[in-house]
N, C-alpha and C. Protein backbone atom coordinates (compact mmCIF):
# COMPACT_ATOMS: atom_id res chain seq x y z
N MET A 1 -14.05 -6.15 -42.64
CA MET A 1 -13.81 -4.84 -43.16
C MET A 1 -14.00 -5.19 -44.64
N GLN A 2 -14.90 -4.85 -45.61
CA GLN A 2 -14.83 -5.00 -47.22
C GLN A 2 -13.83 -4.05 -47.60
N ILE A 3 -13.43 -4.43 -48.66
CA ILE A 3 -12.14 -3.06 -49.04
C ILE A 3 -12.26 -3.69 -50.74
N ASN A 4 -11.98 -2.87 -51.67
CA ASN A 4 -11.86 -3.46 -53.10
C ASN A 4 -10.04 -3.67 -53.22
N LEU A 5 -10.27 -5.06 -53.18
CA LEU A 5 -8.64 -5.44 -53.54
C LEU A 5 -8.20 -4.93 -55.18
N ASP A 6 -8.73 -4.59 -55.44
CA ASP A 6 -8.04 -3.95 -56.76
C ASP A 6 -7.85 -2.16 -56.44
N ASN A 7 -8.09 -1.53 -55.47
CA ASN A 7 -7.38 -0.60 -55.06
C ASN A 7 -6.13 -0.59 -55.15
N PRO A 8 -5.41 0.12 -56.08
CA PRO A 8 -3.80 -0.18 -56.24
C PRO A 8 -2.99 -0.15 -54.99
N PHE A 9 -3.45 1.06 -54.38
CA PHE A 9 -2.46 1.62 -53.27
C PHE A 9 -2.56 0.46 -52.09
N ILE A 10 -4.03 -0.40 -51.86
CA ILE A 10 -3.70 -1.62 -50.75
C ILE A 10 -2.91 -2.87 -51.74
N LEU A 11 -3.29 -3.16 -52.96
CA LEU A 11 -2.58 -4.14 -53.87
C LEU A 11 -1.54 -3.88 -54.00
N ARG A 12 -0.64 -2.79 -54.19
CA ARG A 12 0.52 -2.74 -53.78
C ARG A 12 1.24 -3.32 -52.73
N ARG A 13 0.63 -2.78 -51.56
CA ARG A 13 1.73 -3.16 -50.25
C ARG A 13 1.57 -4.78 -50.12
N LEU A 14 0.13 -5.07 -50.63
CA LEU A 14 -0.26 -6.57 -50.24
C LEU A 14 0.79 -7.13 -51.32
N LYS A 15 0.88 -6.85 -52.18
CA LYS A 15 2.02 -7.71 -53.21
C LYS A 15 3.46 -7.46 -52.76
N PHE A 16 3.71 -6.64 -52.30
CA PHE A 16 5.09 -6.38 -51.87
C PHE A 16 4.98 -7.07 -50.62
N ILE A 17 4.28 -7.24 -49.86
CA ILE A 17 4.53 -8.33 -48.47
C ILE A 17 4.68 -9.82 -49.29
N GLN A 18 4.11 -10.40 -50.27
CA GLN A 18 3.87 -11.30 -50.80
C GLN A 18 5.18 -11.79 -51.17
N LEU A 19 5.82 -11.00 -51.83
CA LEU A 19 6.94 -11.55 -52.58
C LEU A 19 8.03 -11.23 -51.54
N GLU A 20 7.73 -10.23 -50.35
CA GLU A 20 9.20 -10.59 -49.40
C GLU A 20 8.75 -11.42 -48.82
N ALA A 21 7.65 -11.95 -48.59
CA ALA A 21 7.31 -13.47 -47.78
C ALA A 21 8.02 -14.26 -48.26
N ILE A 22 8.28 -15.00 -49.79
CA ILE A 22 8.03 -15.52 -50.54
C ILE A 22 9.80 -15.46 -50.49
N HIS A 23 10.52 -14.07 -50.41
CA HIS A 23 11.97 -14.27 -50.89
C HIS A 23 12.78 -13.96 -50.20
N GLU A 24 12.36 -13.55 -48.74
CA GLU A 24 13.43 -13.17 -47.79
C GLU A 24 12.87 -13.58 -46.56
N SER A 25 13.99 -14.14 -45.96
CA SER A 25 13.83 -15.10 -44.85
C SER A 25 14.04 -14.05 -43.19
N GLN A 26 14.26 -12.80 -43.36
CA GLN A 26 14.10 -11.62 -42.63
C GLN A 26 12.87 -11.11 -42.64
N ARG A 27 12.42 -10.25 -41.91
CA ARG A 27 11.32 -9.35 -41.67
C ARG A 27 11.80 -7.92 -41.90
N ASP A 28 11.81 -6.89 -42.34
CA ASP A 28 13.18 -5.77 -42.31
C ASP A 28 11.60 -4.69 -41.85
N GLN A 29 12.15 -3.30 -41.30
CA GLN A 29 10.81 -2.47 -41.30
C GLN A 29 10.27 -1.86 -42.22
N THR A 30 10.57 -1.63 -43.46
CA THR A 30 9.43 -1.76 -44.56
C THR A 30 8.66 -2.38 -44.66
N THR A 31 9.07 -3.91 -44.70
CA THR A 31 7.66 -5.11 -44.31
C THR A 31 6.56 -4.60 -43.32
N THR A 32 7.64 -4.65 -42.01
CA THR A 32 6.75 -4.25 -40.81
C THR A 32 6.00 -3.37 -41.16
N PHE A 33 6.25 -2.29 -41.71
CA PHE A 33 5.13 -0.93 -42.03
C PHE A 33 4.16 -1.44 -42.97
N ALA A 34 4.49 -1.89 -44.08
CA ALA A 34 3.51 -2.48 -45.01
C ALA A 34 2.47 -3.41 -44.09
N MET A 35 2.79 -3.88 -43.47
CA MET A 35 2.39 -4.71 -42.68
C MET A 35 1.19 -4.11 -41.78
N ARG A 36 1.64 -3.13 -41.15
CA ARG A 36 0.95 -2.11 -40.31
C ARG A 36 -0.07 -1.30 -41.26
N VAL A 37 0.17 -0.57 -42.25
CA VAL A 37 -0.53 -0.29 -43.04
C VAL A 37 -2.12 -1.11 -43.33
N ILE A 38 -1.49 -2.19 -43.88
CA ILE A 38 -2.60 -3.39 -44.13
C ILE A 38 -3.41 -3.54 -43.28
N SER A 39 -2.85 -3.51 -41.99
CA SER A 39 -3.96 -4.04 -40.67
C SER A 39 -4.61 -2.92 -40.51
N ASN A 40 -4.06 -1.64 -40.72
CA ASN A 40 -5.07 -0.49 -40.15
C ASN A 40 -6.03 -0.23 -40.97
N PHE A 41 -5.90 -0.73 -42.32
CA PHE A 41 -6.92 -0.56 -43.83
C PHE A 41 -7.58 -1.79 -43.27
N SER A 42 -7.57 -2.65 -42.69
CA SER A 42 -8.62 -4.03 -42.73
C SER A 42 -9.10 -3.69 -41.47
N THR A 43 -8.67 -3.13 -40.26
CA THR A 43 -9.42 -3.23 -39.00
C THR A 43 -10.15 -1.78 -38.89
N ILE A 44 -9.47 -0.36 -39.57
CA ILE A 44 -10.77 0.60 -39.67
C ILE A 44 -10.79 1.53 -41.26
N GLY A 45 -10.64 0.69 -41.80
CA GLY A 45 -10.71 1.17 -43.54
C GLY A 45 -9.57 2.03 -44.04
N MET A 46 -8.67 2.85 -43.09
CA MET A 46 -7.44 3.64 -43.86
C MET A 46 -6.62 3.63 -42.76
N ASN A 47 -5.73 4.39 -43.26
CA ASN A 47 -4.20 4.36 -42.49
C ASN A 47 -4.58 5.33 -41.86
N GLY A 48 -3.74 5.52 -40.40
CA GLY A 48 -4.04 6.72 -39.48
C GLY A 48 -2.41 6.44 -38.35
N SER A 49 -2.49 7.65 -37.84
CA SER A 49 -2.21 7.64 -36.20
C SER A 49 -2.49 6.90 -35.60
N SER A 50 -1.39 6.37 -34.54
CA SER A 50 -2.05 5.77 -33.67
C SER A 50 -3.23 6.09 -32.83
N SER A 51 -3.21 7.51 -32.42
CA SER A 51 -4.31 7.95 -31.90
C SER A 51 -5.50 7.85 -32.89
N LYS A 52 -5.55 8.13 -34.05
CA LYS A 52 -6.77 8.31 -35.23
C LYS A 52 -7.13 6.61 -35.09
N ILE A 53 -6.32 6.02 -34.90
CA ILE A 53 -6.76 4.29 -34.99
C ILE A 53 -7.84 4.61 -33.62
N LEU A 54 -6.92 4.59 -32.51
CA LEU A 54 -7.63 4.56 -31.07
C LEU A 54 -9.24 5.18 -31.11
N ARG A 55 -8.68 6.51 -31.30
CA ARG A 55 -10.49 7.37 -31.75
C ARG A 55 -11.51 6.33 -32.76
N VAL A 56 -11.39 5.51 -33.18
CA VAL A 56 -11.91 4.90 -34.62
C VAL A 56 -12.23 3.28 -34.17
N ASN A 57 -11.53 2.73 -33.83
CA ASN A 57 -11.73 1.49 -33.65
C ASN A 57 -12.39 0.71 -32.84
N ARG A 58 -13.00 0.05 -33.47
CA ARG A 58 -14.44 -0.49 -32.42
C ARG A 58 -14.02 -2.12 -32.00
N ASN A 59 -12.75 -2.52 -32.49
CA ASN A 59 -12.42 -4.26 -31.26
C ASN A 59 -12.03 -3.12 -30.34
N MET A 60 -12.43 -4.05 -29.07
CA MET A 60 -11.94 -3.09 -27.67
C MET A 60 -12.35 -4.20 -27.08
N SER A 61 -11.25 -3.98 -25.74
CA SER A 61 -11.08 -5.27 -24.46
C SER A 61 -12.30 -4.29 -23.47
N GLU A 62 -13.30 -5.17 -22.95
CA GLU A 62 -13.96 -4.85 -21.91
C GLU A 62 -13.14 -3.39 -20.98
N ALA A 63 -11.69 -3.84 -20.56
CA ALA A 63 -11.43 -2.96 -19.77
C ALA A 63 -11.30 -1.72 -20.21
N ALA A 64 -10.79 -1.55 -21.70
CA ALA A 64 -10.55 -0.14 -22.00
C ALA A 64 -12.12 0.46 -22.33
N TYR A 65 -12.93 -0.23 -22.54
CA TYR A 65 -14.23 0.30 -22.74
C TYR A 65 -14.49 1.01 -21.30
N GLY A 66 -14.43 0.01 -20.23
CA GLY A 66 -14.39 0.55 -18.81
C GLY A 66 -13.60 2.05 -18.67
N GLU A 67 -12.64 2.06 -19.07
CA GLU A 67 -11.97 3.77 -19.02
C GLU A 67 -12.44 4.58 -19.73
N LEU A 68 -12.90 4.30 -21.29
CA LEU A 68 -14.10 5.48 -22.02
C LEU A 68 -14.78 5.81 -21.17
N LYS A 69 -15.64 4.68 -20.49
CA LYS A 69 -16.73 5.45 -19.81
C LYS A 69 -16.51 6.17 -19.13
N LYS A 70 -15.63 6.38 -18.37
CA LYS A 70 -14.87 6.91 -16.89
C LYS A 70 -14.26 8.35 -17.21
N ALA A 71 -13.46 8.39 -18.71
CA ALA A 71 -12.60 9.62 -18.62
C ALA A 71 -13.21 10.67 -18.97
N LYS A 72 -12.64 11.62 -18.33
CA LYS A 72 -12.84 13.22 -18.56
C LYS A 72 -12.85 13.88 -19.85
N THR A 73 -11.65 13.24 -20.56
CA THR A 73 -11.37 13.65 -22.04
C THR A 73 -10.80 12.45 -22.34
N MET A 74 -11.52 12.68 -24.02
CA MET A 74 -10.79 11.75 -24.87
C MET A 74 -9.18 11.39 -24.83
N GLN A 75 -8.03 12.23 -24.45
CA GLN A 75 -6.94 12.43 -24.73
C GLN A 75 -6.25 11.54 -23.34
N GLU A 76 -7.60 11.42 -22.08
CA GLU A 76 -7.39 11.04 -21.02
C GLU A 76 -7.13 9.69 -21.20
N TRP A 77 -8.19 9.44 -22.08
CA TRP A 77 -8.61 7.74 -21.97
C TRP A 77 -7.52 7.22 -23.26
N ILE A 78 -7.15 7.93 -24.36
CA ILE A 78 -6.08 7.56 -25.30
C ILE A 78 -4.72 7.42 -24.75
N ASP A 79 -4.28 8.46 -23.30
CA ASP A 79 -3.23 7.77 -22.74
C ASP A 79 -2.96 6.99 -21.95
N LYS A 80 -3.90 6.06 -21.54
CA LYS A 80 -4.23 4.87 -21.23
C LYS A 80 -3.96 2.96 -21.67
N VAL A 81 -4.70 3.41 -22.99
CA VAL A 81 -4.64 2.80 -24.26
C VAL A 81 -3.59 2.57 -25.29
N THR A 82 -3.83 0.97 -26.04
CA THR A 82 -2.68 0.87 -26.69
C THR A 82 -3.10 -0.05 -28.39
N ASN A 83 -2.96 0.35 -29.49
CA ASN A 83 -3.20 -1.01 -30.23
C ASN A 83 -2.51 -2.18 -30.32
N GLU A 84 -3.16 -2.85 -30.40
CA GLU A 84 -2.23 -4.29 -30.27
C GLU A 84 -2.76 -5.13 -31.09
N HIS A 85 -1.94 -6.09 -31.93
CA HIS A 85 -2.32 -7.25 -32.41
C HIS A 85 -2.79 -8.22 -32.41
N PRO A 86 -3.98 -9.17 -32.10
CA PRO A 86 -4.02 -10.10 -31.32
C PRO A 86 -3.19 -11.09 -32.10
N MET A 87 -2.76 -11.26 -33.73
CA MET A 87 -1.92 -11.67 -33.82
C MET A 87 -0.47 -11.41 -34.41
N PRO A 88 0.24 -11.12 -33.24
CA PRO A 88 1.38 -10.55 -33.06
C PRO A 88 1.98 -10.22 -35.16
N LEU A 89 2.59 -9.75 -35.31
CA LEU A 89 3.18 -9.55 -36.57
C LEU A 89 4.24 -10.26 -36.98
N LYS A 90 4.82 -10.78 -36.00
CA LYS A 90 5.82 -11.96 -36.12
C LYS A 90 5.25 -12.81 -36.67
N GLU A 91 4.40 -13.53 -35.44
CA GLU A 91 3.45 -14.49 -36.09
C GLU A 91 2.94 -14.45 -37.58
N SER A 92 2.18 -13.34 -37.46
CA SER A 92 1.65 -13.51 -39.41
C SER A 92 2.62 -13.49 -40.19
N TRP A 93 3.87 -12.94 -40.03
CA TRP A 93 4.93 -13.26 -40.48
C TRP A 93 5.36 -14.61 -40.93
N LYS A 94 5.21 -15.18 -39.72
CA LYS A 94 5.92 -16.86 -39.84
C LYS A 94 4.64 -17.68 -40.44
N VAL A 95 3.44 -17.31 -40.58
CA VAL A 95 2.20 -17.99 -41.28
C VAL A 95 2.29 -17.88 -42.72
N PHE A 96 2.87 -16.56 -42.75
CA PHE A 96 2.92 -15.96 -44.74
C PHE A 96 4.03 -17.11 -45.04
N GLN A 97 4.93 -16.80 -44.45
CA GLN A 97 6.62 -17.89 -45.06
C GLN A 97 6.43 -18.93 -45.15
N SER A 98 5.31 -19.84 -44.33
CA SER A 98 5.26 -21.05 -43.89
C SER A 98 4.32 -21.47 -45.60
N LEU A 99 4.09 -20.74 -46.01
CA LEU A 99 2.80 -20.94 -47.20
C LEU A 99 3.97 -20.48 -48.94
N GLY A 100 4.82 -20.19 -48.67
CA GLY A 100 5.71 -20.03 -49.79
C GLY A 100 4.74 -19.55 -50.87
N ASN A 101 5.42 -19.93 -52.16
CA ASN A 101 4.63 -19.61 -53.31
C ASN A 101 3.25 -19.50 -53.22
N ASP A 102 2.73 -20.63 -52.45
CA ASP A 102 0.75 -20.73 -52.19
C ASP A 102 0.46 -19.72 -51.64
N LEU A 103 1.28 -18.53 -50.83
CA LEU A 103 0.92 -17.13 -50.65
C LEU A 103 -0.03 -16.16 -51.44
N THR A 104 -0.67 -15.89 -51.34
CA THR A 104 -1.50 -15.07 -51.95
C THR A 104 -1.87 -13.68 -51.30
N THR A 105 -1.98 -12.38 -52.35
CA THR A 105 -2.43 -11.19 -51.68
C THR A 105 -3.76 -11.37 -51.46
N GLU A 106 -4.78 -12.32 -51.57
CA GLU A 106 -5.92 -12.44 -50.83
C GLU A 106 -6.22 -13.35 -49.64
N TYR A 107 -5.17 -14.15 -49.59
CA TYR A 107 -4.68 -14.45 -48.80
C TYR A 107 -4.41 -13.72 -47.36
N ILE A 108 -3.15 -12.88 -47.41
CA ILE A 108 -3.05 -11.62 -46.15
C ILE A 108 -3.92 -10.86 -46.11
N TRP A 109 -5.09 -9.84 -46.92
CA TRP A 109 -5.83 -9.14 -46.59
C TRP A 109 -6.93 -10.17 -46.00
N LYS A 110 -7.12 -11.41 -45.85
CA LYS A 110 -8.37 -12.22 -45.18
C LYS A 110 -6.98 -12.28 -44.11
N HIS A 111 -6.25 -12.70 -43.81
CA HIS A 111 -5.35 -12.76 -42.34
C HIS A 111 -5.98 -11.38 -41.54
N PHE A 112 -5.43 -10.33 -42.33
CA PHE A 112 -5.54 -9.19 -41.33
C PHE A 112 -7.11 -9.01 -40.79
N VAL A 113 -8.04 -9.38 -41.89
CA VAL A 113 -9.32 -9.69 -41.44
C VAL A 113 -9.88 -10.18 -40.29
N LYS A 114 -9.38 -11.33 -40.69
CA LYS A 114 -9.21 -12.18 -39.60
C LYS A 114 -9.28 -11.79 -38.34
N TYR A 115 -8.05 -11.25 -37.78
CA TYR A 115 -7.15 -10.48 -36.50
C TYR A 115 -7.11 -9.32 -36.98
N PRO A 116 -8.19 -8.38 -36.83
CA PRO A 116 -7.88 -7.06 -36.62
C PRO A 116 -7.48 -6.70 -35.35
N MET A 117 -6.80 -5.18 -35.51
CA MET A 117 -6.51 -4.65 -34.48
C MET A 117 -7.18 -4.37 -33.54
N ASN A 118 -6.69 -4.45 -31.82
CA ASN A 118 -7.47 -4.36 -30.70
C ASN A 118 -6.87 -3.02 -30.31
N THR A 119 -8.02 -2.82 -29.60
CA THR A 119 -7.69 -1.35 -28.45
C THR A 119 -7.68 -2.00 -26.83
N ILE A 120 -6.81 -2.21 -26.39
CA ILE A 120 -6.48 -2.55 -24.74
C ILE A 120 -5.53 -1.91 -24.00
N LEU A 121 -6.22 -2.18 -22.84
CA LEU A 121 -5.61 -0.71 -21.83
C LEU A 121 -3.54 -1.09 -22.06
N LYS A 122 -2.97 -0.26 -21.38
CA LYS A 122 -1.78 -0.35 -21.47
C LYS A 122 -1.18 -1.60 -20.47
N THR A 123 -1.92 -1.24 -19.29
CA THR A 123 -1.71 -2.14 -18.81
C THR A 123 -1.88 -3.91 -19.12
N GLU A 124 -2.93 -3.83 -19.45
CA GLU A 124 -3.18 -5.09 -20.43
C GLU A 124 -2.41 -5.49 -21.10
N ASN A 125 -1.53 -4.96 -22.05
CA ASN A 125 -0.61 -5.11 -22.67
C ASN A 125 0.83 -5.48 -22.21
N GLN A 126 0.84 -5.06 -21.09
CA GLN A 126 1.79 -5.03 -19.85
C GLN A 126 1.81 -6.59 -19.83
N LYS A 127 0.59 -6.48 -19.43
CA LYS A 127 0.32 -8.34 -18.87
C LYS A 127 0.90 -9.27 -19.73
N LEU A 128 0.57 -8.62 -21.31
CA LEU A 128 0.80 -9.90 -22.50
C LEU A 128 2.70 -9.99 -22.55
N ASP A 129 3.11 -8.88 -22.20
CA ASP A 129 4.60 -8.97 -22.32
C ASP A 129 5.21 -9.88 -21.24
N LYS A 130 4.36 -9.45 -19.54
CA LYS A 130 4.80 -10.53 -18.91
C LYS A 130 4.58 -12.06 -18.89
N LEU A 131 3.58 -12.08 -19.44
CA LEU A 131 3.64 -13.61 -19.61
C LEU A 131 4.29 -14.26 -20.87
N GLY A 132 4.98 -13.15 -21.49
CA GLY A 132 5.82 -13.72 -22.67
C GLY A 132 4.97 -13.44 -23.81
N TYR A 133 4.18 -12.95 -24.15
CA TYR A 133 3.50 -13.02 -25.32
C TYR A 133 3.63 -11.68 -26.37
N ARG A 134 4.75 -11.26 -26.04
CA ARG A 134 4.88 -9.13 -26.51
C ARG A 134 4.78 -9.24 -28.17
N ASP A 135 5.46 -10.55 -28.64
CA ASP A 135 5.30 -10.62 -30.17
C ASP A 135 5.30 -12.15 -30.67
N ASN A 136 4.63 -12.91 -29.56
CA ASN A 136 4.54 -14.34 -30.52
C ASN A 136 3.12 -14.77 -29.30
N GLY A 137 2.47 -16.26 -30.02
CA GLY A 137 1.46 -16.64 -29.49
C GLY A 137 0.29 -16.50 -30.03
N LEU A 138 -0.54 -17.33 -30.34
CA LEU A 138 -2.25 -17.35 -30.96
C LEU A 138 -3.26 -16.29 -30.25
N PRO A 139 -3.94 -15.69 -31.10
CA PRO A 139 -4.77 -15.21 -30.62
C PRO A 139 -5.54 -15.22 -28.85
N LYS A 140 -6.29 -16.10 -29.18
CA LYS A 140 -7.01 -17.08 -28.33
C LYS A 140 -6.38 -17.46 -26.86
N THR A 141 -4.99 -17.99 -26.95
CA THR A 141 -4.30 -18.25 -26.24
C THR A 141 -3.66 -17.06 -25.30
N ARG A 142 -2.79 -16.25 -25.97
CA ARG A 142 -2.70 -14.55 -25.39
C ARG A 142 -4.02 -13.95 -24.65
N TYR A 143 -4.74 -14.23 -25.62
CA TYR A 143 -5.74 -13.22 -24.27
C TYR A 143 -6.73 -13.50 -23.24
N GLN A 144 -6.56 -15.23 -23.30
CA GLN A 144 -6.93 -15.91 -22.52
C GLN A 144 -6.33 -15.94 -20.92
N GLU A 145 -4.97 -16.17 -21.37
CA GLU A 145 -3.94 -15.85 -20.28
C GLU A 145 -3.59 -14.54 -19.69
N ALA A 146 -4.09 -14.04 -20.64
CA ALA A 146 -4.06 -12.55 -19.77
C ALA A 146 -5.37 -11.82 -19.19
N ASN A 147 -6.51 -13.09 -19.75
CA ASN A 147 -7.86 -12.16 -19.54
C ASN A 147 -8.38 -10.98 -19.90
N ILE A 148 -7.52 -10.92 -20.90
CA ILE A 148 -8.28 -10.17 -22.14
C ILE A 148 -9.79 -10.43 -22.96
N ASP A 149 -10.55 -9.37 -22.42
CA ASP A 149 -11.81 -10.25 -23.26
C ASP A 149 -12.15 -8.78 -24.41
N ILE A 150 -12.42 -9.19 -25.62
CA ILE A 150 -12.54 -8.45 -26.89
C ILE A 150 -14.00 -8.38 -27.35
N PHE A 151 -14.43 -7.19 -27.35
CA PHE A 151 -15.80 -7.34 -27.80
C PHE A 151 -15.71 -5.82 -28.97
N LEU A 152 -16.90 -6.00 -30.14
CA LEU A 152 -17.28 -4.93 -30.92
C LEU A 152 -18.17 -3.74 -30.39
N LEU A 153 -17.55 -2.90 -30.28
CA LEU A 153 -18.45 -1.59 -30.14
C LEU A 153 -19.67 -1.21 -31.38
N ASN A 154 -20.53 -0.85 -31.02
CA ASN A 154 -21.96 -0.81 -31.85
C ASN A 154 -21.26 1.04 -32.40
N ASP A 155 -20.27 1.77 -31.99
CA ASP A 155 -19.94 2.96 -32.66
C ASP A 155 -18.44 3.22 -32.56
N SER A 156 -17.83 4.30 -33.32
CA SER A 156 -16.73 4.66 -32.57
C SER A 156 -16.42 4.87 -31.36
N PRO A 157 -15.29 4.38 -30.82
CA PRO A 157 -15.08 4.96 -29.41
C PRO A 157 -14.99 6.67 -29.25
N GLU A 158 -15.03 7.24 -29.83
CA GLU A 158 -14.70 8.87 -30.02
C GLU A 158 -16.61 9.14 -30.07
N ARG A 159 -17.20 8.82 -30.85
CA ARG A 159 -18.20 8.87 -30.92
C ARG A 159 -19.42 8.35 -29.44
N LEU A 160 -19.19 7.50 -29.18
CA LEU A 160 -19.46 6.97 -27.93
C LEU A 160 -19.20 7.72 -26.42
N TRP A 161 -17.67 8.48 -26.73
CA TRP A 161 -17.61 9.25 -25.52
C TRP A 161 -18.19 10.66 -25.63
N TYR A 162 -18.58 10.96 -26.67
CA TYR A 162 -19.06 12.01 -26.99
C TYR A 162 -20.72 11.95 -26.49
N THR A 163 -20.95 11.03 -27.18
CA THR A 163 -22.73 10.97 -27.06
C THR A 163 -22.80 11.02 -25.30
N GLN A 164 -21.67 10.40 -24.77
CA GLN A 164 -22.15 10.08 -23.10
C GLN A 164 -21.96 11.59 -22.85
N ARG A 165 -20.69 12.37 -23.22
CA ARG A 165 -20.73 13.57 -22.68
C ARG A 165 -22.19 14.34 -22.72
N ILE A 166 -22.59 14.46 -23.97
CA ILE A 166 -23.65 15.39 -24.29
C ILE A 166 -25.00 14.63 -23.40
N LYS A 167 -25.16 13.45 -23.06
CA LYS A 167 -26.35 12.79 -21.96
C LYS A 167 -25.96 13.46 -20.58
N ASN A 168 -24.59 13.55 -20.43
CA ASN A 168 -24.35 13.83 -19.28
C ASN A 168 -24.25 15.42 -18.69
N ASP A 169 -24.74 16.19 -19.62
CA ASP A 169 -24.50 17.36 -19.74
C ASP A 169 -26.03 17.95 -19.01
């Protein structure tokens, strides 16, 4: 996702995360929310509610896509899926802190672009939890061990769902 890093809204949040990672040992709720906002922008180009992100996010597990194709309503599908950070925020925070004064706002942005949020089934998320990957582990290991395959849709889930419904009418 390309976005102008001169955007004051984005830049202020990136700068906040940078300064917190350099000067604070603990990640608090304010920092976590700032990281979530940056994750939202890097994934879908805007901030939004969980439901909005699920409707727009094109990064999806095969299983979530299978449920999208079967769903009678968008809400039915939304109730079965969740947003998931492949690199948990806790792990991202460790990476940011490890860089110390070398951490830049550009690095933070590129990190979230490299690890965009994914839409997965809630049952897949539970599997990650059972494997001990709720808030730790690296993306490749977490998803391989949980048998979660991610791919990029050619359109938003919502548009794909509506297009499928129109064809079937």
